[in-house]
Structure formats: structure tokens, C-alpha cells
N, C-alpha and C. Protein backbone atom coordinates (compact mmCIF):
# COMPACT_ATOMS: atom_id res chain seq x y z
N MET A 1 47.20 28.52 30.19
CA MET A 1 47.35 27.27 28.91
C MET A 1 48.47 26.38 29.26
N VAL A 2 47.27 25.14 28.84
CA VAL A 2 49.25 23.69 29.56
C VAL A 2 49.93 24.01 28.51
N VAL A 3 51.29 23.54 29.67
CA VAL A 3 51.97 23.94 27.93
C VAL A 3 53.25 22.29 28.18
N LEU A 4 52.83 21.31 29.74
CA LEU A 4 52.88 20.57 29.24
C LEU A 4 51.72 19.19 30.10
N GLU A 5 52.14 18.04 29.44
CA GLU A 5 50.97 17.19 30.13
C GLU A 5 51.80 15.93 30.39
N LYS A 6 52.35 14.73 31.10
CA LYS A 6 53.20 13.30 31.38
C LYS A 6 52.03 13.22 32.21
N LYS A 7 52.13 11.29 31.42
CA LYS A 7 50.71 10.82 32.46
C LYS A 7 52.42 9.31 32.96
N ILE A 8 52.46 9.95 34.55
CA ILE A 8 52.84 8.36 35.01
C ILE A 8 52.14 7.33 35.61
N GLY A 9 52.02 6.51 35.50
CA GLY A 9 51.51 5.16 35.64
C GLY A 9 49.42 5.92 35.74
N ASN A 10 49.07 5.92 36.91
CA ASN A 10 47.50 6.68 37.39
C ASN A 10 47.50 8.16 36.66
N THR A 11 48.68 8.85 36.92
CA THR A 11 48.99 9.78 37.61
C THR A 11 49.14 11.13 36.25
N ILE A 12 48.87 11.74 35.90
CA ILE A 12 48.54 12.76 35.22
C ILE A 12 49.31 14.45 35.58
N ILE A 13 50.31 14.27 35.05
CA ILE A 13 50.71 15.75 35.50
C ILE A 13 50.76 17.07 34.26
N ARG A 14 50.41 17.58 34.86
CA ARG A 14 49.89 19.34 33.80
C ARG A 14 50.83 20.42 34.29
N ALA A 15 51.55 21.48 33.98
CA ALA A 15 52.18 21.82 33.49
C ALA A 15 51.38 23.62 32.98
N HIS A 16 51.29 24.66 33.70
CA HIS A 16 50.64 25.99 33.20
C HIS A 16 51.78 26.89 32.70
N ASP A 17 51.54 27.34 31.87
CA ASP A 17 52.18 28.77 31.87
C ASP A 17 52.18 29.72 32.93
N ASP A 18 51.45 29.46 33.52
CA ASP A 18 51.22 30.67 34.61
C ASP A 18 51.90 30.02 35.86
N CYS A 19 52.51 28.97 35.96
CA CYS A 19 52.89 28.16 37.27
C CYS A 19 54.87 28.02 36.92
N PHE A 20 55.06 29.19 36.13
CA PHE A 20 56.46 29.16 36.37
C PHE A 20 57.04 30.46 36.84
N VAL A 21 58.34 30.41 37.83
CA VAL A 21 58.54 31.62 39.03
C VAL A 21 59.14 32.53 37.94
N LYS A 22 58.74 33.91 38.55
CA LYS A 22 59.23 35.33 38.06
C LYS A 22 60.40 35.91 38.57
N THR A 23 60.57 35.50 40.32
CA THR A 23 61.24 36.23 40.77
C THR A 23 62.10 35.54 40.96
N GLU A 24 63.64 35.87 41.80
CA GLU A 24 64.29 35.14 42.98
C GLU A 24 63.07 34.79 43.89
N GLU A 25 62.92 35.95 44.31
CA GLU A 25 62.16 35.46 46.01
C GLU A 25 61.42 34.48 45.78
N GLU A 26 60.65 34.77 44.45
CA GLU A 26 59.26 33.74 44.91
C GLU A 26 60.11 32.04 44.04
N ARG A 27 61.28 31.98 43.47
CA ARG A 27 61.64 30.84 43.55
C ARG A 27 62.46 30.35 45.16
N GLN A 28 63.30 31.54 45.54
CA GLN A 28 63.55 30.94 47.53
C GLN A 28 62.20 30.61 48.09
N GLN A 29 61.16 31.36 47.86
CA GLN A 29 59.64 30.71 49.04
C GLN A 29 59.87 29.20 48.25
N ILE A 30 59.08 29.35 47.13
CA ILE A 30 58.76 28.27 46.80
C ILE A 30 60.03 26.34 47.00
N LEU A 31 61.20 26.97 47.52
CA LEU A 31 62.67 26.28 47.37
C LEU A 31 62.13 25.93 48.82
N ASP A 32 61.87 26.98 49.87
CA ASP A 32 61.89 26.84 51.58
C ASP A 32 60.61 26.16 51.55
N ASN A 33 59.32 25.92 50.87
CA ASN A 33 58.42 25.63 51.19
C ASN A 33 58.69 23.77 50.98
N ILE A 34 59.46 23.76 50.03
CA ILE A 34 59.44 22.22 49.61
C ILE A 34 60.10 21.87 50.91
N GLY A 35 61.07 22.92 51.50
CA GLY A 35 61.82 22.13 52.48
C GLY A 35 61.25 21.70 53.68
N HIS A 36 60.19 23.08 53.83
CA HIS A 36 59.59 22.39 54.56
C HIS A 36 58.70 21.17 55.07
N ILE A 37 58.09 20.90 54.09
CA ILE A 37 57.39 19.69 53.94
C ILE A 37 57.93 18.29 53.66
N ALA A 38 59.09 18.67 53.19
CA ALA A 38 60.04 17.35 53.28
C ALA A 38 60.57 16.71 54.60
N ALA A 39 60.91 18.02 55.39
CA ALA A 39 61.17 18.03 57.00
C ALA A 39 60.20 16.91 57.62
N SER A 40 58.75 17.79 57.64
CA SER A 40 57.70 17.55 58.63
C SER A 40 57.53 16.28 57.58
N ILE A 41 57.78 15.46 56.92
CA ILE A 41 57.70 14.32 56.25
C ILE A 41 58.49 13.45 56.70
N TYR A 42 59.77 13.64 56.80
CA TYR A 42 60.92 12.81 57.64
C TYR A 42 60.70 12.79 58.86
N ARG A 43 59.88 14.34 59.42
CA ARG A 43 60.27 13.93 60.86
C ARG A 43 58.60 13.07 61.21
N ASP A 44 57.37 13.39 60.78
CA ASP A 44 56.65 12.12 60.77
C ASP A 44 56.82 10.86 60.65
N LYS A 45 57.76 10.33 59.93
CA LYS A 45 58.25 8.91 59.59
C LYS A 45 58.73 8.16 60.55
N GLU A 46 59.50 9.27 61.39
CA GLU A 46 60.97 8.99 62.26
C GLU A 46 60.27 8.63 63.82
N GLN A 47 58.99 9.46 63.83
CA GLN A 47 58.30 9.29 64.85
C GLN A 47 57.34 7.77 64.85
N LYS A 48 56.42 7.53 63.90
CA LYS A 48 55.97 6.15 63.42
C LYS A 48 57.16 5.37 63.90
N ASP A 49 58.11 5.12 63.36
CA ASP A 49 59.06 4.27 63.84
C ASP A 49 59.25 4.00 64.50
N GLU A 50 59.41 5.27 65.23
CA GLU A 50 60.40 5.03 67.07
C GLU A 50 58.51 4.50 67.34
N THR A 51 57.34 4.77 67.42
CA THR A 51 56.31 4.37 68.18
C THR A 51 55.67 3.19 67.67
N GLY A 52 56.36 2.65 66.44
CA GLY A 52 56.10 1.14 66.00
C GLY A 52 54.76 1.45 65.61
């Protein structure tokens, strides 16, 4: 079930009730994944800036 819907510009964000974290381990895994994604974005940007 959709519990939140928000529009930002042309993007619609929908949160479903099954998207919420249930355990501390699940929370930590999500945070670790976000960290890996962010690190790869910054690494790719730095490589692009260095090569021009």
C-alpha cells in the first residue's frame, strides 16, 4: 500500500509500507549500500575531472 506520495518537479516519489526497515541488520545493509553507491559516484566524477 502507498503510504506517501510526493511530487518534486517532474518526479513522483511513492513510499510503500513494505519499504520500511524491520531490523537493525537490514538498516545497516541499506546504509552500507548507499555508501558504496555514493563512493562510486564521487570516484567516477573525480576520474572524469582528471581526464577532462
